[in-house]
mmCIF file of all heavy atoms, coordinates in Angstrom:
data_MODEL
# 
_entry.id   MODEL 
# 
loop_
_atom_site.group_PDB 
_atom_site.id 
_atom_site.type_symbol 
_atom_site.label_atom_id 
_atom_site.label_alt_id 
_atom_site.label_comp_id 
_atom_site.label_asym_id 
_atom_site.label_entity_id 
_atom_site.label_seq_id 
_atom_site.pdbx_PDB_ins_code 
_atom_site.Cartn_x 
_atom_site.Cartn_y 
_atom_site.Cartn_z 
_atom_site.occupancy 
_atom_site.B_iso_or_equiv 
_atom_site.pdbx_formal_charge 
_atom_site.auth_seq_id 
_atom_site.auth_comp_id 
_atom_site.auth_asym_id 
_atom_site.auth_atom_id 
_atom_site.pdbx_PDB_model_num 
ATOM 1   N N   . TYR A 1 1  ? 2.743  185.682 -93.465  1.00 0.00 ? 1  TYR A N   1 
ATOM 2   C CA  . TYR A 1 1  ? 2.576  186.299 -94.759  1.00 0.00 ? 1  TYR A CA  1 
ATOM 3   C C   . TYR A 1 1  ? 3.083  187.731 -94.714  1.00 0.00 ? 1  TYR A C   1 
ATOM 4   O O   . TYR A 1 1  ? 3.919  188.169 -95.492  1.00 0.00 ? 1  TYR A O   1 
ATOM 5   C CB  . TYR A 1 1  ? 1.143  186.278 -95.210  1.00 0.00 ? 1  TYR A CB  1 
ATOM 6   C CG  . TYR A 1 1  ? 0.816  187.336 -96.219  1.00 0.00 ? 1  TYR A CG  1 
ATOM 7   C CD1 . TYR A 1 1  ? 1.445  187.326 -97.442  1.00 0.00 ? 1  TYR A CD1 1 
ATOM 8   C CD2 . TYR A 1 1  ? -0.079 188.359 -95.939  1.00 0.00 ? 1  TYR A CD2 1 
ATOM 9   C CE1 . TYR A 1 1  ? 1.199  188.319 -98.435  1.00 0.00 ? 1  TYR A CE1 1 
ATOM 10  C CE2 . TYR A 1 1  ? -0.368 189.346 -96.899  1.00 0.00 ? 1  TYR A CE2 1 
ATOM 11  C CZ  . TYR A 1 1  ? 0.251  189.311 -98.099  1.00 0.00 ? 1  TYR A CZ  1 
ATOM 12  O OH  . TYR A 1 1  ? -0.027 190.278 -99.055  1.00 0.00 ? 1  TYR A OH  1 
ATOM 13  N N   . SER A 1 2  ? 2.515  188.558 -93.802  1.00 0.00 ? 2  SER A N   1 
ATOM 14  C CA  . SER A 1 2  ? 2.943  189.962 -93.725  1.00 0.00 ? 2  SER A CA  1 
ATOM 15  C C   . SER A 1 2  ? 4.366  190.145 -93.351  1.00 0.00 ? 2  SER A C   1 
ATOM 16  O O   . SER A 1 2  ? 5.039  191.091 -93.792  1.00 0.00 ? 2  SER A O   1 
ATOM 17  C CB  . SER A 1 2  ? 2.002  190.713 -92.757  1.00 0.00 ? 2  SER A CB  1 
ATOM 18  O OG  . SER A 1 2  ? 2.045  190.217 -91.449  1.00 0.00 ? 2  SER A OG  1 
ATOM 19  N N   . ALA A 1 3  ? 4.942  189.173 -92.551  1.00 0.00 ? 3  ALA A N   1 
ATOM 20  C CA  . ALA A 1 3  ? 6.331  189.288 -92.233  1.00 0.00 ? 3  ALA A CA  1 
ATOM 21  C C   . ALA A 1 3  ? 7.213  189.061 -93.435  1.00 0.00 ? 3  ALA A C   1 
ATOM 22  O O   . ALA A 1 3  ? 8.251  189.666 -93.633  1.00 0.00 ? 3  ALA A O   1 
ATOM 23  C CB  . ALA A 1 3  ? 6.690  188.248 -91.116  1.00 0.00 ? 3  ALA A CB  1 
ATOM 24  N N   . SER A 1 4  ? 6.793  188.111 -94.282  1.00 0.00 ? 4  SER A N   1 
ATOM 25  C CA  . SER A 1 4  ? 7.606  187.833 -95.492  1.00 0.00 ? 4  SER A CA  1 
ATOM 26  C C   . SER A 1 4  ? 7.516  189.072 -96.465  1.00 0.00 ? 4  SER A C   1 
ATOM 27  O O   . SER A 1 4  ? 8.477  189.405 -97.123  1.00 0.00 ? 4  SER A O   1 
ATOM 28  C CB  . SER A 1 4  ? 7.063  186.619 -96.197  1.00 0.00 ? 4  SER A CB  1 
ATOM 29  O OG  . SER A 1 4  ? 5.783  186.753 -96.783  1.00 0.00 ? 4  SER A OG  1 
ATOM 30  N N   . LYS A 1 5  ? 6.374  189.740 -96.486  1.00 0.00 ? 5  LYS A N   1 
ATOM 31  C CA  . LYS A 1 5  ? 6.277  190.922 -97.356  1.00 0.00 ? 5  LYS A CA  1 
ATOM 32  C C   . LYS A 1 5  ? 7.002  192.083 -96.770  1.00 0.00 ? 5  LYS A C   1 
ATOM 33  O O   . LYS A 1 5  ? 7.674  192.854 -97.487  1.00 0.00 ? 5  LYS A O   1 
ATOM 34  C CB  . LYS A 1 5  ? 4.738  191.309 -97.492  1.00 0.00 ? 5  LYS A CB  1 
ATOM 35  C CG  . LYS A 1 5  ? 3.939  190.309 -98.282  1.00 0.00 ? 5  LYS A CG  1 
ATOM 36  C CD  . LYS A 1 5  ? 4.366  190.214 -99.744  1.00 0.00 ? 5  LYS A CD  1 
ATOM 37  C CE  . LYS A 1 5  ? 3.883  191.421 -100.565 1.00 0.00 ? 5  LYS A CE  1 
ATOM 38  N NZ  . LYS A 1 5  ? 4.176  191.266 -101.991 1.00 0.00 ? 5  LYS A NZ  1 
ATOM 39  N N   . ALA A 1 6  ? 7.063  192.212 -95.486  1.00 0.00 ? 6  ALA A N   1 
ATOM 40  C CA  . ALA A 1 6  ? 7.824  193.288 -94.825  1.00 0.00 ? 6  ALA A CA  1 
ATOM 41  C C   . ALA A 1 6  ? 9.286  193.097 -95.095  1.00 0.00 ? 6  ALA A C   1 
ATOM 42  O O   . ALA A 1 6  ? 10.063 194.040 -95.355  1.00 0.00 ? 6  ALA A O   1 
ATOM 43  C CB  . ALA A 1 6  ? 7.497  193.286 -93.359  1.00 0.00 ? 6  ALA A CB  1 
ATOM 44  N N   . ALA A 1 7  ? 9.730  191.831 -94.981  1.00 0.00 ? 7  ALA A N   1 
ATOM 45  C CA  . ALA A 1 7  ? 11.141 191.527 -95.286  1.00 0.00 ? 7  ALA A CA  1 
ATOM 46  C C   . ALA A 1 7  ? 11.484 191.889 -96.724  1.00 0.00 ? 7  ALA A C   1 
ATOM 47  O O   . ALA A 1 7  ? 12.557 192.434 -96.972  1.00 0.00 ? 7  ALA A O   1 
ATOM 48  C CB  . ALA A 1 7  ? 11.405 190.048 -95.040  1.00 0.00 ? 7  ALA A CB  1 
ATOM 49  N N   . ALA A 1 8  ? 10.600 191.610 -97.610  1.00 0.00 ? 8  ALA A N   1 
ATOM 50  C CA  . ALA A 1 8  ? 10.833 191.986 -99.053  1.00 0.00 ? 8  ALA A CA  1 
ATOM 51  C C   . ALA A 1 8  ? 10.853 193.526 -99.210  1.00 0.00 ? 8  ALA A C   1 
ATOM 52  O O   . ALA A 1 8  ? 11.714 194.022 -99.950  1.00 0.00 ? 8  ALA A O   1 
ATOM 53  C CB  . ALA A 1 8  ? 9.764  191.352 -99.916  1.00 0.00 ? 8  ALA A CB  1 
ATOM 54  N N   . ASP A 1 9  ? 9.955  194.171 -98.543  1.00 0.00 ? 9  ASP A N   1 
ATOM 55  C CA  . ASP A 1 9  ? 9.977  195.677 -98.605  1.00 0.00 ? 9  ASP A CA  1 
ATOM 56  C C   . ASP A 1 9  ? 11.248 196.209 -98.166  1.00 0.00 ? 9  ASP A C   1 
ATOM 57  O O   . ASP A 1 9  ? 11.881 197.092 -98.844  1.00 0.00 ? 9  ASP A O   1 
ATOM 58  C CB  . ASP A 1 9  ? 8.880  196.254 -97.713  1.00 0.00 ? 9  ASP A CB  1 
ATOM 59  C CG  . ASP A 1 9  ? 7.457  196.198 -98.258  1.00 0.00 ? 9  ASP A CG  1 
ATOM 60  O OD1 . ASP A 1 9  ? 7.246  195.374 -99.214  1.00 0.00 ? 9  ASP A OD1 1 
ATOM 61  O OD2 . ASP A 1 9  ? 6.627  196.915 -97.835  1.00 0.00 ? 9  ASP A OD2 1 
ATOM 62  N N   . LEU A 1 10 ? 11.766 195.740 -97.039  1.00 0.00 ? 10 LEU A N   1 
ATOM 63  C CA  . LEU A 1 10 ? 13.057 196.244 -96.545  1.00 0.00 ? 10 LEU A CA  1 
ATOM 64  C C   . LEU A 1 10 ? 14.217 195.904 -97.460  1.00 0.00 ? 10 LEU A C   1 
ATOM 65  O O   . LEU A 1 10 ? 15.157 196.689 -97.585  1.00 0.00 ? 10 LEU A O   1 
ATOM 66  C CB  . LEU A 1 10 ? 13.285 195.706 -95.122  1.00 0.00 ? 10 LEU A CB  1 
ATOM 67  C CG  . LEU A 1 10 ? 12.326 196.168 -94.056  1.00 0.00 ? 10 LEU A CG  1 
ATOM 68  C CD1 . LEU A 1 10 ? 12.552 195.432 -92.746  1.00 0.00 ? 10 LEU A CD1 1 
ATOM 69  C CD2 . LEU A 1 10 ? 12.348 197.670 -93.857  1.00 0.00 ? 10 LEU A CD2 1 
ATOM 70  N N   . LEU A 1 11 ? 14.113 194.753 -98.087  1.00 0.00 ? 11 LEU A N   1 
ATOM 71  C CA  . LEU A 1 11 ? 15.180 194.395 -99.015  1.00 0.00 ? 11 LEU A CA  1 
ATOM 72  C C   . LEU A 1 11 ? 15.164 195.297 -100.234 1.00 0.00 ? 11 LEU A C   1 
ATOM 73  O O   . LEU A 1 11 ? 16.262 195.769 -100.697 1.00 0.00 ? 11 LEU A O   1 
ATOM 74  C CB  . LEU A 1 11 ? 14.958 192.925 -99.464  1.00 0.00 ? 11 LEU A CB  1 
ATOM 75  C CG  . LEU A 1 11 ? 16.096 192.190 -100.146 1.00 0.00 ? 11 LEU A CG  1 
ATOM 76  C CD1 . LEU A 1 11 ? 17.332 192.150 -99.265  1.00 0.00 ? 11 LEU A CD1 1 
ATOM 77  C CD2 . LEU A 1 11 ? 15.667 190.788 -100.500 1.00 0.00 ? 11 LEU A CD2 1 
ATOM 78  N N   . VAL A 1 12 ? 13.980 195.601 -100.728 1.00 0.00 ? 12 VAL A N   1 
ATOM 79  C CA  . VAL A 1 12 ? 13.857 196.536 -101.881 1.00 0.00 ? 12 VAL A CA  1 
ATOM 80  C C   . VAL A 1 12 ? 14.442 197.854 -101.519 1.00 0.00 ? 12 VAL A C   1 
ATOM 81  O O   . VAL A 1 12 ? 15.241 198.451 -102.275 1.00 0.00 ? 12 VAL A O   1 
ATOM 82  C CB  . VAL A 1 12 ? 12.422 196.674 -102.302 1.00 0.00 ? 12 VAL A CB  1 
ATOM 83  C CG1 . VAL A 1 12 ? 12.192 197.811 -103.327 1.00 0.00 ? 12 VAL A CG1 1 
ATOM 84  C CG2 . VAL A 1 12 ? 11.910 195.359 -102.943 1.00 0.00 ? 12 VAL A CG2 1 
ATOM 85  N N   . LEU A 1 13 ? 14.072 198.413 -100.330 1.00 0.00 ? 13 LEU A N   1 
ATOM 86  C CA  . LEU A 1 13 ? 14.590 199.722 -99.958  1.00 0.00 ? 13 LEU A CA  1 
ATOM 87  C C   . LEU A 1 13 ? 16.094 199.726 -99.697  1.00 0.00 ? 13 LEU A C   1 
ATOM 88  O O   . LEU A 1 13 ? 16.768 200.681 -99.979  1.00 0.00 ? 13 LEU A O   1 
ATOM 89  C CB  . LEU A 1 13 ? 13.841 200.211 -98.712  1.00 0.00 ? 13 LEU A CB  1 
ATOM 90  C CG  . LEU A 1 13 ? 12.336 200.474 -98.926  1.00 0.00 ? 13 LEU A CG  1 
ATOM 91  C CD1 . LEU A 1 13 ? 11.651 200.765 -97.606  1.00 0.00 ? 13 LEU A CD1 1 
ATOM 92  C CD2 . LEU A 1 13 ? 12.116 201.600 -99.929  1.00 0.00 ? 13 LEU A CD2 1 
ATOM 93  N N   . SER A 1 14 ? 16.581 198.568 -99.249  1.00 0.00 ? 14 SER A N   1 
ATOM 94  C CA  . SER A 1 14 ? 17.998 198.466 -98.995  1.00 0.00 ? 14 SER A CA  1 
ATOM 95  C C   . SER A 1 14 ? 18.804 198.529 -100.329 1.00 0.00 ? 14 SER A C   1 
ATOM 96  O O   . SER A 1 14 ? 19.910 199.082 -100.365 1.00 0.00 ? 14 SER A O   1 
ATOM 97  C CB  . SER A 1 14 ? 18.332 197.185 -98.229  1.00 0.00 ? 14 SER A CB  1 
ATOM 98  O OG  . SER A 1 14 ? 18.296 196.032 -99.050  1.00 0.00 ? 14 SER A OG  1 
ATOM 99  N N   . TYR A 1 15 ? 18.248 197.933 -101.365 1.00 0.00 ? 15 TYR A N   1 
ATOM 100 C CA  . TYR A 1 15 ? 18.919 197.984 -102.658 1.00 0.00 ? 15 TYR A CA  1 
ATOM 101 C C   . TYR A 1 15 ? 18.923 199.387 -103.242 1.00 0.00 ? 15 TYR A C   1 
ATOM 102 O O   . TYR A 1 15 ? 19.879 199.844 -103.863 1.00 0.00 ? 15 TYR A O   1 
ATOM 103 C CB  . TYR A 1 15 ? 18.266 196.961 -103.625 1.00 0.00 ? 15 TYR A CB  1 
ATOM 104 C CG  . TYR A 1 15 ? 18.969 195.617 -103.633 1.00 0.00 ? 15 TYR A CG  1 
ATOM 105 C CD1 . TYR A 1 15 ? 18.930 194.849 -102.513 1.00 0.00 ? 15 TYR A CD1 1 
ATOM 106 C CD2 . TYR A 1 15 ? 19.598 195.192 -104.795 1.00 0.00 ? 15 TYR A CD2 1 
ATOM 107 C CE1 . TYR A 1 15 ? 19.552 193.624 -102.501 1.00 0.00 ? 15 TYR A CE1 1 
ATOM 108 C CE2 . TYR A 1 15 ? 20.205 193.921 -104.763 1.00 0.00 ? 15 TYR A CE2 1 
ATOM 109 C CZ  . TYR A 1 15 ? 20.198 193.151 -103.657 1.00 0.00 ? 15 TYR A CZ  1 
ATOM 110 O OH  . TYR A 1 15 ? 20.853 191.948 -103.642 1.00 0.00 ? 15 TYR A OH  1 
ATOM 111 N N   . ALA A 1 16 ? 17.809 200.084 -103.020 1.00 0.00 ? 16 ALA A N   1 
ATOM 112 C CA  . ALA A 1 16 ? 17.732 201.497 -103.462 1.00 0.00 ? 16 ALA A CA  1 
ATOM 113 C C   . ALA A 1 16 ? 18.763 202.348 -102.732 1.00 0.00 ? 16 ALA A C   1 
ATOM 114 O O   . ALA A 1 16 ? 19.458 203.163 -103.351 1.00 0.00 ? 16 ALA A O   1 
ATOM 115 C CB  . ALA A 1 16 ? 16.327 202.083 -103.270 1.00 0.00 ? 16 ALA A CB  1 
ATOM 116 N N   . ASN A 1 17 ? 18.933 202.087 -101.446 1.00 0.00 ? 17 ASN A N   1 
ATOM 117 C CA  . ASN A 1 17 ? 19.847 202.889 -100.630 1.00 0.00 ? 17 ASN A CA  1 
ATOM 118 C C   . ASN A 1 17 ? 21.334 202.450 -100.809 1.00 0.00 ? 17 ASN A C   1 
ATOM 119 O O   . ASN A 1 17 ? 22.188 203.348 -100.977 1.00 0.00 ? 17 ASN A O   1 
ATOM 120 C CB  . ASN A 1 17 ? 19.507 202.734 -99.179  1.00 0.00 ? 17 ASN A CB  1 
ATOM 121 C CG  . ASN A 1 17 ? 20.440 203.507 -98.229  1.00 0.00 ? 17 ASN A CG  1 
ATOM 122 O OD1 . ASN A 1 17 ? 20.405 204.745 -98.236  1.00 0.00 ? 17 ASN A OD1 1 
ATOM 123 N ND2 . ASN A 1 17 ? 21.260 202.811 -97.455  1.00 0.00 ? 17 ASN A ND2 1 
ATOM 124 N N   . THR A 1 18 ? 21.590 201.196 -100.919 1.00 0.00 ? 18 THR A N   1 
ATOM 125 C CA  . THR A 1 18 ? 22.989 200.698 -101.004 1.00 0.00 ? 18 THR A CA  1 
ATOM 126 C C   . THR A 1 18 ? 23.543 200.755 -102.415 1.00 0.00 ? 18 THR A C   1 
ATOM 127 O O   . THR A 1 18 ? 24.670 201.218 -102.627 1.00 0.00 ? 18 THR A O   1 
ATOM 128 C CB  . THR A 1 18 ? 23.050 199.221 -100.446 1.00 0.00 ? 18 THR A CB  1 
ATOM 129 O OG1 . THR A 1 18 ? 22.486 199.178 -99.151  1.00 0.00 ? 18 THR A OG1 1 
ATOM 130 C CG2 . THR A 1 18 ? 24.538 198.757 -100.438 1.00 0.00 ? 18 THR A CG2 1 
ATOM 131 N N   . PHE A 1 19 ? 22.766 200.340 -103.356 1.00 0.00 ? 19 PHE A N   1 
ATOM 132 C CA  . PHE A 1 19 ? 23.230 200.208 -104.711 1.00 0.00 ? 19 PHE A CA  1 
ATOM 133 C C   . PHE A 1 19 ? 22.680 201.220 -105.649 1.00 0.00 ? 19 PHE A C   1 
ATOM 134 O O   . PHE A 1 19 ? 23.075 201.261 -106.866 1.00 0.00 ? 19 PHE A O   1 
ATOM 135 C CB  . PHE A 1 19 ? 22.904 198.816 -105.296 1.00 0.00 ? 19 PHE A CB  1 
ATOM 136 C CG  . PHE A 1 19 ? 23.426 197.669 -104.424 1.00 0.00 ? 19 PHE A CG  1 
ATOM 137 C CD1 . PHE A 1 19 ? 22.539 196.816 -103.775 1.00 0.00 ? 19 PHE A CD1 1 
ATOM 138 C CD2 . PHE A 1 19 ? 24.823 197.462 -104.231 1.00 0.00 ? 19 PHE A CD2 1 
ATOM 139 C CE1 . PHE A 1 19 ? 23.030 195.791 -102.945 1.00 0.00 ? 19 PHE A CE1 1 
ATOM 140 C CE2 . PHE A 1 19 ? 25.270 196.405 -103.472 1.00 0.00 ? 19 PHE A CE2 1 
ATOM 141 C CZ  . PHE A 1 19 ? 24.350 195.600 -102.794 1.00 0.00 ? 19 PHE A CZ  1 
ATOM 142 N N   . GLY A 1 20 ? 21.716 202.059 -105.235 1.00 0.00 ? 20 GLY A N   1 
ATOM 143 C CA  . GLY A 1 20 ? 21.058 203.010 -106.109 1.00 0.00 ? 20 GLY A CA  1 
ATOM 144 C C   . GLY A 1 20 ? 20.173 202.313 -107.095 1.00 0.00 ? 20 GLY A C   1 
ATOM 145 O O   . GLY A 1 20 ? 19.876 202.849 -108.164 1.00 0.00 ? 20 GLY A O   1 
ATOM 146 N N   . THR A 1 21 ? 19.710 201.077 -106.795 1.00 0.00 ? 21 THR A N   1 
ATOM 147 C CA  . THR A 1 21 ? 18.830 200.373 -107.699 1.00 0.00 ? 21 THR A CA  1 
ATOM 148 C C   . THR A 1 21 ? 17.503 201.171 -107.848 1.00 0.00 ? 21 THR A C   1 
ATOM 149 O O   . THR A 1 21 ? 16.893 201.514 -106.796 1.00 0.00 ? 21 THR A O   1 
ATOM 150 C CB  . THR A 1 21 ? 18.538 198.961 -107.145 1.00 0.00 ? 21 THR A CB  1 
ATOM 151 O OG1 . THR A 1 21 ? 19.765 198.277 -106.911 1.00 0.00 ? 21 THR A OG1 1 
ATOM 152 C CG2 . THR A 1 21 ? 17.733 198.175 -108.154 1.00 0.00 ? 21 THR A CG2 1 
ATOM 153 N N   . PRO A 1 22 ? 17.070 201.463 -108.996 1.00 0.00 ? 22 PRO A N   1 
ATOM 154 C CA  . PRO A 1 22 ? 15.900 202.260 -109.229 1.00 0.00 ? 22 PRO A CA  1 
ATOM 155 C C   . PRO A 1 22 ? 14.537 201.528 -108.958 1.00 0.00 ? 22 PRO A C   1 
ATOM 156 O O   . PRO A 1 22 ? 13.988 200.906 -109.819 1.00 0.00 ? 22 PRO A O   1 
ATOM 157 C CB  . PRO A 1 22 ? 15.976 202.690 -110.688 1.00 0.00 ? 22 PRO A CB  1 
ATOM 158 C CG  . PRO A 1 22 ? 16.761 201.604 -111.318 1.00 0.00 ? 22 PRO A CG  1 
ATOM 159 C CD  . PRO A 1 22 ? 17.695 201.090 -110.319 1.00 0.00 ? 22 PRO A CD  1 
ATOM 160 N N   . CYS A 1 23 ? 14.149 201.522 -107.649 1.00 0.00 ? 23 CYS A N   1 
ATOM 161 C CA  . CYS A 1 23 ? 12.981 200.755 -107.321 1.00 0.00 ? 23 CYS A CA  1 
ATOM 162 C C   . CYS A 1 23 ? 12.092 201.597 -106.406 1.00 0.00 ? 23 CYS A C   1 
ATOM 163 O O   . CYS A 1 23 ? 12.520 202.567 -105.745 1.00 0.00 ? 23 CYS A O   1 
ATOM 164 C CB  . CYS A 1 23 ? 13.336 199.461 -106.639 1.00 0.00 ? 23 CYS A CB  1 
ATOM 165 S SG  . CYS A 1 23 ? 14.678 199.513 -105.450 1.00 0.00 ? 23 CYS A SG  1 
ATOM 166 N N   . MET A 1 24 ? 10.820 201.170 -106.299 1.00 0.00 ? 24 MET A N   1 
ATOM 167 C CA  . MET A 1 24 ? 9.830  201.783 -105.439 1.00 0.00 ? 24 MET A CA  1 
ATOM 168 C C   . MET A 1 24 ? 8.845  200.756 -105.011 1.00 0.00 ? 24 MET A C   1 
ATOM 169 O O   . MET A 1 24 ? 8.823  199.578 -105.535 1.00 0.00 ? 24 MET A O   1 
ATOM 170 C CB  . MET A 1 24 ? 9.121  202.910 -106.185 1.00 0.00 ? 24 MET A CB  1 
ATOM 171 C CG  . MET A 1 24 ? 8.400  202.485 -107.441 1.00 0.00 ? 24 MET A CG  1 
ATOM 172 S SD  . MET A 1 24 ? 7.672  203.874 -108.382 1.00 0.00 ? 24 MET A SD  1 
ATOM 173 C CE  . MET A 1 24 ? 9.095  204.716 -108.922 1.00 0.00 ? 24 MET A CE  1 
ATOM 174 N N   . ILE A 1 25 ? 7.949  201.099 -104.086 1.00 0.00 ? 25 ILE A N   1 
ATOM 175 C CA  . ILE A 1 25 ? 7.015  200.152 -103.493 1.00 0.00 ? 25 ILE A CA  1 
ATOM 176 C C   . ILE A 1 25 ? 5.635  200.796 -103.428 1.00 0.00 ? 25 ILE A C   1 
ATOM 177 O O   . ILE A 1 25 ? 5.501  201.955 -103.090 1.00 0.00 ? 25 ILE A O   1 
ATOM 178 C CB  . ILE A 1 25 ? 7.465  199.740 -102.047 1.00 0.00 ? 25 ILE A CB  1 
ATOM 179 C CG1 . ILE A 1 25 ? 8.812  199.031 -102.050 1.00 0.00 ? 25 ILE A CG1 1 
ATOM 180 C CG2 . ILE A 1 25 ? 6.412  198.895 -101.406 1.00 0.00 ? 25 ILE A CG2 1 
ATOM 181 C CD1 . ILE A 1 25 ? 9.394  198.829 -100.734 1.00 0.00 ? 25 ILE A CD1 1 
# 
C-alpha cells in the first residue's frame, strides 16, 4: 500500500518538475 502511494507521490512531483503541472501533495 505505502509503496503504491509513494510511487504516486513521485509521479506527481515529476509532473510538476518536468511539465510544470500545477500540483501539490
